[in-house]
Amino acid sequence: MKGYICIHGHFYQPLRENPWIETIEPEASAHPFHDWNERIAEECYARNAASPILAADGRILETVNNYAKISFNFGPTLLAWLKRHRVDVYRAVLQADRESCKRHAGHGSALAQAYGHAILPLADRRDKITQVRWGIEDFVRHFGRRPEGFWLPETAVDVETLDVLAGEGLRFTVLAPHQAQAVRPLGAPDWRVLNGSGIDPRRPYGVRLPSGRSIAVFFYDGALSQAVAFERLLDSGDAFRDRLLAAFTDDGDEPQLVHIATDGETYGHHHRFGDMALAYALHRIESENGVRITNYAAFLAAHPPTLEAEIRENTSWSCAHGIERWRGACGCATGAHPEWSQAWRGPLRDALDWLRERLASGYEELGQTLLRDPWVARDAYIRVIADRSPSAWRRFLADHARRDLSEEEKLITLRLLELERHALLMYASDGWFFDDPSGIETVQILRHAARAVELGGELLGLDLEPEFLARLEAAKSNLSDQGTGRDIYERSVRPAAPV
């Protein structure tokens, strides 16, 4: 048996910039830091870029870049923030991927991610495609290569989402073990339904799609990932190393991949000194015979699937009820307020879906007079988001404008595409994840919605705010002084817009 270990970190922060001024305003809850990006960068991202390995007597043996030894994805909005505000960390992340490519025959450790961290099974196919294409293009801009793997926000999945990934040339994704429905040998006629019995996580599985495409899926070790995230396994680097090695079995002689997936913020932010436990465990493992540190792409290239799986549609890693956490009162919450209701989540989703459809029809109608194909142009607009230079905008217009546009028409086109950008960003999953709509995460997505409403009024002549607010009234806060989603909008969203 050949043993391989892969540790995946999902590094992500929601957008925090005020949508009107594109600047992060002070976040008091992050004190003494200016905002949560700054705080977590100091507690986690920077520490993993230069984590010390200690000897038994406390001496620093060496300082290592943990990113070079693990599999990881960085949310596009977070990576853009790091490039602007923590270039030291940003460079360490890019260098880590380059090193992994050299170490693993061209297979880098970085994965791409859906751009706006939306729950993709709840998006229509057109938005799925844009979120994936923006994620891929953003990845290429930073890492200088095409991604092989793709991280799905909250590992939320349905067959259509997998088909979109495969259609864009992606080779694999990573899911939780309970998201597997059935397995069978490739080409076998009969499925073995798992019925909660669990799937062997130590190998990749092929998933055949109705389109005729296929994609590989790695189902991570759930118990081990849980221990890292919630059971203080990171209190000891030795204990972490022992649990990883104990996950191998003596069955057969096929290569085995022991792999886990957690929020990357686990290593240093959620668990102080977690970066050091990670560095020490990997250091110990690398010094031992018979076990190798690898990444998903390299393992898949050397050991393609011999089994195939069916997925459980509309499931995720953080909701026991599938994807209800982002559209209903399923009971999944942080646990800080067990008596609170999440009934506000459904009306919030409904209000945003209503807004999206009204804006999309107006965007398409006006966009057709300015752009050859408004939706193809939206997919390509990520190149302008990534490069706000006049030359990038000129190239975009040369590729997508229906004709030579006047200066006024160019401005209208730009603002129309910005409308759609905000309409995508208003679906960031964080807006539903926590316990109350008055939280900063929900306020943030409502700010993107408000900016889209504003642009819809100015460009399309649509007076959408009254109906949108009426729909938000059904999203009731658990706090008596916060009222409804409408009250939160009027109190915390409208004042963010420049007068």
Protein backbone atom coordinates (compact mmCIF):
# COMPACT_ATOMS: atom_id res chain seq x y z
CA MET A 1 0.00 0.00 0.00
CA LYS A 2 1.19 3.48 -0.88
CA GLY A 3 -0.03 6.17 1.47
CA TYR A 4 -0.70 9.77 0.53
CA ILE A 5 -1.98 12.68 2.62
CA CYS A 6 -3.70 15.83 1.41
CA ILE A 7 -4.95 18.62 3.67
CA HIS A 8 -7.29 21.14 2.05
CA GLY A 9 -7.93 24.62 3.43
CA HIS A 10 -10.84 26.71 2.16
CA PHE A 11 -9.69 30.29 2.69
CA TYR A 12 -12.46 32.81 2.23
CA GLN A 13 -13.90 36.08 3.50
CA PRO A 14 -17.03 37.78 2.22
CA LEU A 15 -16.86 41.10 0.44
CA ARG A 16 -16.76 43.90 2.99
CA GLU A 17 -16.35 46.94 0.75
CA ASN A 18 -19.07 49.56 0.68
CA PRO A 19 -20.54 48.97 -2.82
CA TRP A 20 -20.70 52.71 -3.58
CA ILE A 21 -17.16 53.66 -2.64
CA GLU A 22 -15.42 50.24 -2.91
CA THR A 23 -13.72 50.77 0.46
CA ILE A 24 -14.05 48.77 3.68
CA GLU A 25 -15.43 50.92 6.46
CA PRO A 26 -14.45 50.29 10.12
CA GLU A 27 -15.97 47.14 11.64
CA ALA A 28 -16.22 47.63 15.40
CA SER A 29 -16.58 43.91 16.09
CA ALA A 30 -13.06 43.35 14.69
CA HIS A 31 -11.44 45.68 17.28
CA PRO A 32 -8.57 46.40 17.72
CA PHE A 33 -8.25 45.93 13.95
CA HIS A 34 -9.93 48.13 11.37
CA ASP A 35 -11.97 45.26 9.95
CA TRP A 36 -12.25 41.47 9.96
CA ASN A 37 -10.05 41.04 6.89
CA GLU A 38 -7.20 42.75 8.71
CA ARG A 39 -7.76 40.75 11.88
CA ILE A 40 -7.93 37.34 10.24
CA ALA A 41 -5.02 38.16 7.95
CA GLU A 42 -2.89 38.73 11.03
CA GLU A 43 -4.21 35.74 12.98
CA CYS A 44 -4.25 33.23 10.12
CA TYR A 45 -3.21 34.14 6.58
CA ALA A 46 0.12 35.73 7.48
CA ARG A 47 0.98 33.07 10.05
CA ASN A 48 0.47 30.24 7.59
CA ALA A 49 2.78 32.02 5.15
CA ALA A 50 5.59 31.85 7.72
CA SER A 51 4.84 29.29 10.41
CA PRO A 52 7.58 28.20 12.83
CA ILE A 53 8.40 24.56 13.56
CA LEU A 54 9.60 24.21 17.13
CA ALA A 55 12.01 21.77 18.70
CA ALA A 56 11.18 20.07 22.00
CA ASP A 57 13.04 22.81 23.88
CA GLY A 58 11.11 25.58 22.12
CA ARG A 59 13.82 26.55 19.62
CA ILE A 60 12.62 27.44 16.11
CA LEU A 61 13.98 24.74 13.79
CA GLU A 62 12.71 26.40 10.64
CA THR A 63 9.95 28.64 9.32
CA VAL A 64 7.78 27.22 6.56
CA ASN A 65 5.13 28.34 4.10
CA ASN A 66 2.23 26.03 4.95
CA TYR A 67 0.46 26.84 1.70
CA ALA A 68 3.22 25.06 -0.21
CA LYS A 69 2.42 21.78 1.56
CA ILE A 70 -1.40 21.77 1.48
CA SER A 71 -4.22 21.96 -1.03
CA PHE A 72 -6.05 25.28 -0.87
CA ASN A 73 -8.45 27.70 -2.46
CA PHE A 74 -8.63 31.41 -1.80
CA GLY A 75 -11.91 33.18 -2.45
CA PRO A 76 -11.39 35.64 -5.33
CA THR A 77 -12.56 38.64 -3.31
CA LEU A 78 -10.21 37.74 -0.46
CA LEU A 79 -7.28 37.21 -2.81
CA ALA A 80 -7.91 40.64 -4.37
CA TRP A 81 -7.89 42.18 -0.88
CA LEU A 82 -4.63 40.44 0.00
CA LYS A 83 -3.04 41.74 -3.19
CA ARG A 84 -3.94 45.30 -2.21
CA HIS A 85 -3.39 45.19 1.56
CA ARG A 86 -1.14 42.20 2.44
CA VAL A 87 1.08 41.74 -0.58
CA ASP A 88 3.50 39.66 1.52
CA VAL A 89 0.81 37.03 2.09
CA TYR A 90 -0.41 37.30 -1.49
CA ARG A 91 3.07 36.57 -2.84
CA ALA A 92 3.48 33.65 -0.45
CA VAL A 93 0.25 32.09 -1.74
CA LEU A 94 1.31 32.41 -5.39
CA GLN A 95 4.79 31.09 -4.60
CA ALA A 96 3.26 28.11 -2.81
CA ASP A 97 1.31 27.12 -5.92
CA ARG A 98 4.41 27.48 -8.08
CA GLU A 99 6.36 25.26 -5.70
CA SER A 100 3.62 22.64 -5.69
CA CYS A 101 3.60 22.60 -9.49
CA LYS A 102 7.33 21.85 -9.48
CA ARG A 103 6.95 19.21 -6.78
CA HIS A 104 4.00 17.43 -8.41
CA ALA A 105 4.86 17.32 -12.12
CA GLY A 106 2.92 20.44 -13.04
CA HIS A 107 -0.10 19.82 -10.83
CA GLY A 108 -0.55 22.83 -8.57
CA SER A 109 -2.23 22.76 -5.18
CA ALA A 110 -4.48 25.80 -5.68
CA LEU A 111 -8.14 25.29 -6.63
CA ALA A 112 -10.46 27.88 -8.14
CA GLN A 113 -13.73 28.91 -6.47
CA ALA A 114 -17.09 30.35 -7.52
CA TYR A 115 -16.50 34.09 -7.63
CA GLY A 116 -19.17 35.45 -5.29
CA HIS A 117 -19.49 32.45 -2.93
CA ALA A 118 -23.10 31.89 -3.93
CA ILE A 119 -24.90 28.62 -3.17
CA LEU A 120 -24.81 27.36 -6.75
CA PRO A 121 -27.69 24.84 -6.58
CA LEU A 122 -29.94 27.81 -5.73
CA ALA A 123 -28.75 29.80 -8.75
CA ASP A 124 -30.17 29.50 -12.25
CA ARG A 125 -27.89 27.96 -14.87
CA ARG A 126 -26.93 31.31 -16.35
CA ASP A 127 -25.70 32.58 -12.97
CA LYS A 128 -23.95 29.27 -12.28
CA ILE A 129 -21.99 29.67 -15.50
CA THR A 130 -20.99 33.25 -14.75
CA GLN A 131 -19.93 32.44 -11.18
CA VAL A 132 -17.77 29.57 -12.44
CA ARG A 133 -16.29 31.44 -15.39
CA TRP A 134 -15.47 34.45 -13.23
CA GLY A 135 -13.83 32.14 -10.71
CA ILE A 136 -11.72 30.47 -13.39
CA GLU A 137 -10.69 33.73 -15.04
CA ASP A 138 -9.80 35.28 -11.70
CA PHE A 139 -7.71 32.21 -10.86
CA VAL A 140 -5.81 32.44 -14.15
CA ARG A 141 -5.11 36.13 -13.52
CA HIS A 142 -3.49 35.38 -10.20
CA PHE A 143 -1.85 31.98 -10.64
CA GLY A 144 -0.97 32.11 -14.32
CA ARG A 145 -2.41 28.70 -15.16
CA ARG A 146 -5.77 27.02 -15.70
CA PRO A 147 -7.25 25.39 -12.60
CA GLU A 148 -7.77 21.65 -12.54
CA GLY A 149 -10.05 21.64 -9.50
CA PHE A 150 -12.86 23.85 -8.25
CA TRP A 151 -14.16 24.49 -4.75
CA LEU A 152 -17.93 24.78 -4.48
CA PRO A 153 -19.04 27.27 -1.79
CA GLU A 154 -20.21 25.31 1.27
CA THR A 155 -19.64 22.25 -0.99
CA ALA A 156 -23.24 22.85 -2.09
CA VAL A 157 -23.88 20.70 -5.13
CA ASP A 158 -26.38 19.51 -7.68
CA VAL A 159 -25.90 17.67 -10.97
CA GLU A 160 -26.33 20.83 -13.04
CA THR A 161 -23.51 22.53 -11.12
CA LEU A 162 -21.19 19.56 -11.74
CA ASP A 163 -22.12 19.69 -15.42
CA VAL A 164 -21.20 23.38 -15.56
CA LEU A 165 -17.82 22.59 -13.99
CA ALA A 166 -17.15 19.77 -16.42
CA GLY A 167 -18.26 21.96 -19.32
CA GLU A 168 -15.58 24.47 -18.36
CA GLY A 169 -12.89 21.81 -18.44
CA LEU A 170 -12.53 21.32 -14.69
CA ARG A 171 -11.41 17.86 -13.62
CA PHE A 172 -12.54 17.53 -10.02
CA THR A 173 -14.20 18.99 -6.96
CA VAL A 174 -14.28 18.10 -3.25
CA LEU A 175 -17.41 17.11 -1.31
CA ALA A 176 -18.36 15.87 2.15
CA PRO A 177 -18.80 12.09 2.57
CA HIS A 178 -22.53 12.35 3.28
CA GLN A 179 -23.01 13.92 -0.16
CA ALA A 180 -22.45 10.52 -1.81
CA GLN A 181 -25.66 8.65 -2.62
CA ALA A 182 -24.41 5.41 -4.21
CA VAL A 183 -21.27 3.80 -5.63
CA ARG A 184 -20.33 1.07 -8.09
CA PRO A 185 -17.29 -0.10 -10.09
CA LEU A 186 -16.89 1.75 -13.37
CA GLY A 187 -19.05 0.06 -15.97
CA ALA A 188 -20.93 -2.14 -13.48
CA PRO A 189 -24.73 -2.35 -13.88
CA ASP A 190 -25.81 -2.09 -10.26
CA TRP A 191 -25.40 0.66 -7.68
CA ARG A 192 -24.72 0.11 -4.01
CA VAL A 193 -26.87 2.61 -2.20
CA LEU A 194 -25.03 3.91 0.84
CA ASN A 195 -28.00 4.65 3.09
CA GLY A 196 -25.82 6.59 5.50
CA SER A 197 -23.21 3.83 5.74
CA GLY A 198 -20.58 6.18 4.38
CA ILE A 199 -18.24 6.15 1.45
CA ASP A 200 -14.56 5.18 1.46
CA PRO A 201 -12.88 8.61 1.29
CA ARG A 202 -9.44 7.28 0.37
CA ARG A 203 -9.94 7.30 -3.39
CA PRO A 204 -11.44 9.53 -6.11
CA TYR A 205 -14.77 8.72 -7.74
CA GLY A 206 -16.03 9.45 -11.21
CA VAL A 207 -19.44 11.08 -11.64
CA ARG A 208 -21.13 10.65 -15.00
CA LEU A 209 -23.41 13.49 -16.02
CA PRO A 210 -26.54 13.49 -18.20
CA SER A 211 -24.75 15.61 -20.83
CA GLY A 212 -22.24 12.79 -21.39
CA ARG A 213 -19.54 14.67 -19.51
CA SER A 214 -17.92 13.41 -16.34
CA ILE A 215 -16.03 14.84 -13.39
CA ALA A 216 -14.05 13.35 -10.51
CA VAL A 217 -15.07 13.89 -6.89
CA PHE A 218 -13.00 13.51 -3.74
CA PHE A 219 -15.17 12.87 -0.65
CA TYR A 220 -13.09 14.01 2.31
CA ASP A 221 -12.71 12.14 5.60
CA GLY A 222 -15.60 13.55 7.61
CA ALA A 223 -14.68 12.35 11.10
CA LEU A 224 -11.11 13.54 10.81
CA SER A 225 -12.12 16.90 9.36
CA GLN A 226 -14.63 17.32 12.17
CA ALA A 227 -11.94 16.61 14.75
CA VAL A 228 -9.70 19.28 13.27
CA ALA A 229 -12.45 21.90 13.02
CA PHE A 230 -14.40 21.32 16.23
CA GLU A 231 -12.66 18.84 18.56
CA ARG A 232 -9.39 20.64 19.28
CA LEU A 233 -7.22 18.14 17.44
CA LEU A 234 -4.93 21.07 16.59
CA ASP A 235 -3.96 21.45 20.24
CA SER A 236 -1.11 19.05 19.45
CA GLY A 237 0.85 18.66 16.24
CA ASP A 238 1.80 15.13 17.30
CA ALA A 239 -1.84 14.18 17.89
CA PHE A 240 -2.77 15.65 14.49
CA ARG A 241 -0.04 13.65 12.79
CA ASP A 242 -1.09 10.45 14.60
CA ARG A 243 -4.74 10.79 13.60
CA LEU A 244 -3.82 11.35 9.97
CA LEU A 245 -1.63 8.25 9.86
CA ALA A 246 -4.22 6.17 11.73
CA ALA A 247 -6.72 6.81 8.94
CA PHE A 248 -4.91 4.41 6.60
CA THR A 249 -6.02 0.80 6.47
CA ASP A 250 -4.16 -2.42 5.76
CA ASP A 251 -6.75 -3.57 3.21
CA GLY A 252 -5.31 -4.36 -0.20
CA ASP A 253 -2.36 -2.82 -1.94
CA GLU A 254 -4.08 0.05 -3.77
CA PRO A 255 -2.83 3.59 -3.11
CA GLN A 256 -4.77 5.36 -0.38
CA LEU A 257 -5.34 9.08 -0.02
CA VAL A 258 -6.13 10.32 3.47
CA HIS A 259 -7.51 13.80 3.04
CA ILE A 260 -9.44 16.36 5.03
CA ALA A 261 -11.14 19.66 4.24
CA THR A 262 -11.89 22.51 6.63
CA ASP A 263 -12.12 26.28 6.60
CA GLY A 264 -8.57 27.54 6.19
CA GLU A 265 -9.22 29.97 9.02
CA THR A 266 -9.16 26.94 11.33
CA TYR A 267 -5.36 27.15 11.25
CA GLY A 268 -4.70 30.20 13.39
CA HIS A 269 -7.95 32.17 13.64
CA HIS A 270 -10.47 29.66 14.97
CA HIS A 271 -7.68 27.73 16.73
CA ARG A 272 -4.77 29.80 17.98
CA PHE A 273 -1.44 28.27 16.94
CA GLY A 274 -3.30 25.92 14.59
CA ASP A 275 -0.86 26.96 11.87
CA MET A 276 1.99 25.62 14.00
CA ALA A 277 0.22 22.30 14.60
CA LEU A 278 -0.28 22.00 10.84
CA ALA A 279 3.36 22.83 10.08
CA TYR A 280 4.66 20.41 12.71
CA ALA A 281 2.40 17.53 11.66
CA LEU A 282 3.40 17.87 8.00
CA HIS A 283 7.06 18.13 8.98
CA ARG A 284 6.82 14.89 10.95
CA ILE A 285 4.95 13.09 8.18
CA GLU A 286 7.44 14.14 5.51
CA SER A 287 10.29 12.65 7.51
CA GLU A 288 8.67 9.21 7.60
CA ASN A 289 8.91 6.45 5.02
CA GLY A 290 5.92 5.19 3.11
CA VAL A 291 3.69 8.28 3.29
CA ARG A 292 3.81 11.23 0.92
CA ILE A 293 2.27 14.68 1.03
CA THR A 294 0.38 15.32 -2.21
CA ASN A 295 -2.46 17.34 -3.69
CA TYR A 296 -5.70 16.35 -5.38
CA ALA A 297 -4.66 17.06 -8.96
CA ALA A 298 -1.45 15.05 -8.67
CA PHE A 299 -3.17 12.09 -7.03
CA LEU A 300 -5.94 12.11 -9.65
CA ALA A 301 -3.42 12.16 -12.51
CA ALA A 302 -1.59 9.16 -11.09
CA HIS A 303 -4.62 7.25 -9.82
CA PRO A 304 -7.77 7.91 -11.87
CA PRO A 305 -11.11 6.65 -10.53
CA THR A 306 -11.95 2.97 -10.70
CA LEU A 307 -15.30 3.54 -9.00
CA GLU A 308 -18.11 5.92 -9.83
CA ALA A 309 -20.54 7.67 -7.52
CA GLU A 310 -23.93 9.28 -7.57
CA ILE A 311 -24.24 12.44 -5.52
CA ARG A 312 -27.03 13.46 -3.20
CA GLU A 313 -28.37 16.54 -4.91
CA ASN A 314 -28.95 19.83 -3.10
CA THR A 315 -26.62 18.99 -0.22
CA SER A 316 -23.74 20.85 1.44
CA TRP A 317 -21.13 20.37 4.15
CA SER A 318 -22.68 22.76 6.70
CA CYS A 319 -26.42 22.05 6.62
CA ALA A 320 -27.82 18.74 7.81
CA HIS A 321 -30.95 19.45 5.79
CA GLY A 322 -29.26 19.89 2.43
CA ILE A 323 -29.18 23.55 1.39
CA GLU A 324 -32.08 24.77 3.52
CA ARG A 325 -29.76 26.95 5.59
CA TRP A 326 -29.77 29.40 2.68
CA ARG A 327 -33.50 29.50 2.03
CA GLY A 328 -35.47 28.32 5.05
CA ALA A 329 -35.88 27.84 8.79
CA CYS A 330 -34.18 24.45 8.96
CA GLY A 331 -32.71 25.01 12.41
CA CYS A 332 -29.06 25.14 11.33
CA ALA A 333 -27.40 28.11 13.02
CA THR A 334 -24.29 29.04 14.96
CA GLY A 335 -25.70 27.72 18.24
CA ALA A 336 -25.21 31.04 20.02
CA HIS A 337 -28.96 31.68 20.16
CA PRO A 338 -30.80 28.34 20.05
CA GLU A 339 -34.14 30.00 20.80
CA TRP A 340 -33.97 32.27 17.73
CA SER A 341 -35.90 31.63 14.53
CA GLN A 342 -34.41 31.50 11.06
CA ALA A 343 -37.76 32.14 9.39
CA TRP A 344 -36.27 35.34 7.94
CA ARG A 345 -34.09 33.38 5.53
CA GLY A 346 -36.90 32.39 3.16
CA PRO A 347 -38.29 35.91 2.64
CA LEU A 348 -34.76 37.24 2.12
CA ARG A 349 -34.10 34.66 -0.59
CA ASP A 350 -37.49 35.32 -2.22
CA ALA A 351 -36.94 39.08 -2.23
CA LEU A 352 -33.53 38.76 -3.87
CA ASP A 353 -34.79 36.25 -6.44
CA TRP A 354 -37.62 38.64 -7.35
CA LEU A 355 -35.12 41.48 -7.71
CA ARG A 356 -32.72 39.39 -9.79
CA GLU A 357 -35.41 38.49 -12.32
CA ARG A 358 -36.59 42.09 -12.73
CA LEU A 359 -33.06 43.32 -13.21
CA ALA A 360 -32.08 40.50 -15.57
CA SER A 361 -34.92 41.21 -17.99
CA GLY A 362 -34.06 44.91 -18.04
CA TYR A 363 -30.36 44.17 -18.45
CA GLU A 364 -31.03 41.90 -21.40
CA GLU A 365 -33.39 44.35 -23.12
CA LEU A 366 -31.07 47.35 -22.89
CA GLY A 367 -27.92 45.26 -23.22
CA GLN A 368 -28.99 43.93 -26.61
CA THR A 369 -28.86 47.45 -28.02
CA LEU A 370 -25.25 47.90 -26.86
CA LEU A 371 -23.67 44.44 -26.77
CA ARG A 372 -23.57 41.58 -29.25
CA ASP A 373 -24.67 39.16 -26.55
CA PRO A 374 -25.33 40.65 -23.10
CA TRP A 375 -24.79 37.35 -21.27
CA VAL A 376 -21.57 36.45 -23.06
CA ALA A 377 -20.39 39.97 -22.30
CA ARG A 378 -21.28 39.53 -18.62
CA ASP A 379 -19.16 36.37 -18.47
CA ALA A 380 -16.24 38.28 -20.00
CA TYR A 381 -16.66 41.31 -17.75
CA ILE A 382 -14.48 39.68 -15.09
CA ARG A 383 -11.50 40.81 -17.19
CA VAL A 384 -12.52 44.41 -16.56
CA ILE A 385 -13.19 43.77 -12.87
CA ALA A 386 -9.68 42.34 -12.57
CA ASP A 387 -8.10 45.16 -14.58
CA ARG A 388 -9.81 48.54 -14.33
CA SER A 389 -7.40 50.18 -16.79
CA PRO A 390 -8.71 52.13 -19.81
CA SER A 391 -6.93 49.70 -22.13
CA ALA A 392 -8.76 46.69 -20.64
CA TRP A 393 -12.08 48.48 -21.09
CA ARG A 394 -11.25 49.31 -24.70
CA ARG A 395 -10.38 45.67 -25.40
CA PHE A 396 -13.64 44.57 -23.82
CA LEU A 397 -15.68 46.94 -26.00
CA ALA A 398 -13.79 45.86 -29.12
CA ASP A 399 -14.78 42.26 -28.38
CA HIS A 400 -18.36 42.75 -27.22
CA ALA A 401 -19.86 46.09 -28.30
CA ARG A 402 -22.53 45.78 -30.98
CA ARG A 403 -21.18 48.85 -32.79
CA ASP A 404 -19.05 51.90 -32.18
CA LEU A 405 -20.52 53.38 -29.03
CA SER A 406 -20.67 57.01 -28.09
CA GLU A 407 -18.98 58.08 -24.87
CA GLU A 408 -22.38 58.24 -23.18
CA GLU A 409 -23.25 54.76 -24.43
CA LYS A 410 -19.92 53.42 -23.15
CA LEU A 411 -20.71 54.77 -19.69
CA ILE A 412 -24.19 53.24 -19.81
CA THR A 413 -22.67 49.89 -20.82
CA LEU A 414 -20.18 49.98 -17.97
CA ARG A 415 -22.85 50.84 -15.41
CA LEU A 416 -25.14 48.15 -16.82
CA LEU A 417 -22.45 45.53 -16.29
CA GLU A 418 -21.84 46.87 -12.80
CA LEU A 419 -25.55 46.37 -12.11
CA GLU A 420 -25.13 42.70 -12.92
CA ARG A 421 -21.97 42.45 -10.81
CA HIS A 422 -23.87 43.63 -7.75
CA ALA A 423 -26.81 41.36 -8.62
CA LEU A 424 -24.39 38.42 -8.41
CA LEU A 425 -22.61 39.61 -5.26
CA MET A 426 -25.89 39.98 -3.37
CA TYR A 427 -26.07 36.17 -3.24
CA ALA A 428 -22.96 35.61 -1.08
CA SER A 429 -23.82 32.68 1.19
CA ASP A 430 -22.81 34.54 4.36
CA GLY A 431 -26.00 36.58 4.17
CA TRP A 432 -27.99 33.54 5.31
CA PHE A 433 -25.43 31.61 7.32
CA PHE A 434 -25.68 33.36 10.67
CA ASP A 435 -28.49 33.82 13.15
CA ASP A 436 -30.15 37.15 12.36
CA PRO A 437 -30.64 39.45 9.36
CA SER A 438 -29.23 42.39 11.32
CA GLY A 439 -25.71 40.91 11.18
CA ILE A 440 -22.99 42.56 9.11
CA GLU A 441 -23.02 39.73 6.56
CA THR A 442 -26.70 40.16 5.69
CA VAL A 443 -26.38 43.93 5.69
CA GLN A 444 -23.54 43.55 3.19
CA ILE A 445 -25.56 41.56 0.66
CA LEU A 446 -28.46 44.01 1.08
CA ARG A 447 -26.05 46.82 0.24
CA HIS A 448 -25.19 45.10 -3.01
CA ALA A 449 -28.90 44.68 -3.67
CA ALA A 450 -29.48 48.37 -2.96
CA ARG A 451 -26.73 49.38 -5.37
CA ALA A 452 -28.28 47.15 -8.04
CA VAL A 453 -31.70 48.71 -7.34
CA GLU A 454 -30.20 52.17 -7.70
CA LEU A 455 -28.55 51.34 -11.03
CA GLY A 456 -31.75 49.69 -12.21
CA GLY A 457 -33.61 52.93 -11.59
CA GLU A 458 -31.03 55.13 -13.28
CA LEU A 459 -30.40 52.93 -16.33
CA LEU A 460 -33.62 51.02 -16.84
CA GLY A 461 -36.21 53.33 -15.35
CA LEU A 462 -37.28 50.61 -12.91
CA ASP A 463 -38.67 51.73 -9.55
CA LEU A 464 -38.01 48.46 -7.73
CA GLU A 465 -37.24 49.63 -4.21
CA PRO A 466 -40.83 49.93 -2.90
CA GLU A 467 -41.73 46.35 -3.83
CA PHE A 468 -38.35 45.05 -2.71
CA LEU A 469 -38.79 46.66 0.71
CA ALA A 470 -42.32 45.33 0.99
CA ARG A 471 -40.96 41.82 0.45
CA LEU A 472 -38.22 42.37 3.05
CA GLU A 473 -40.86 43.15 5.68
CA ALA A 474 -41.49 39.40 5.95
CA ALA A 475 -37.86 38.86 7.04
CA LYS A 476 -38.26 39.51 10.76
CA SER A 477 -35.30 39.98 13.08
CA ASN A 478 -35.07 38.09 16.37
CA LEU A 479 -34.12 41.36 18.05
CA SER A 480 -37.02 43.65 18.96
CA ASP A 481 -35.01 46.80 18.26
CA GLN A 482 -34.08 45.64 14.75
CA GLY A 483 -37.57 45.08 13.36
CA THR A 484 -37.78 43.63 9.85
CA GLY A 485 -35.56 43.40 6.83
CA ARG A 486 -37.10 46.67 5.66
CA ASP A 487 -36.11 48.38 8.91
CA ILE A 488 -32.58 47.00 8.65
CA TYR A 489 -32.36 48.20 5.06
CA GLU A 490 -33.48 51.71 5.96
CA ARG A 491 -31.26 51.89 9.05
CA SER A 492 -28.05 50.19 7.86
CA VAL A 493 -28.13 50.09 4.07
CA ARG A 494 -29.44 53.41 2.79
CA PRO A 495 -27.02 55.48 4.93
CA ALA A 496 -24.08 53.70 3.28
CA ALA A 497 -24.85 55.37 -0.05
CA PRO A 498 -23.13 58.72 -0.63
CA VAL A 499 -25.49 61.68 -0.39
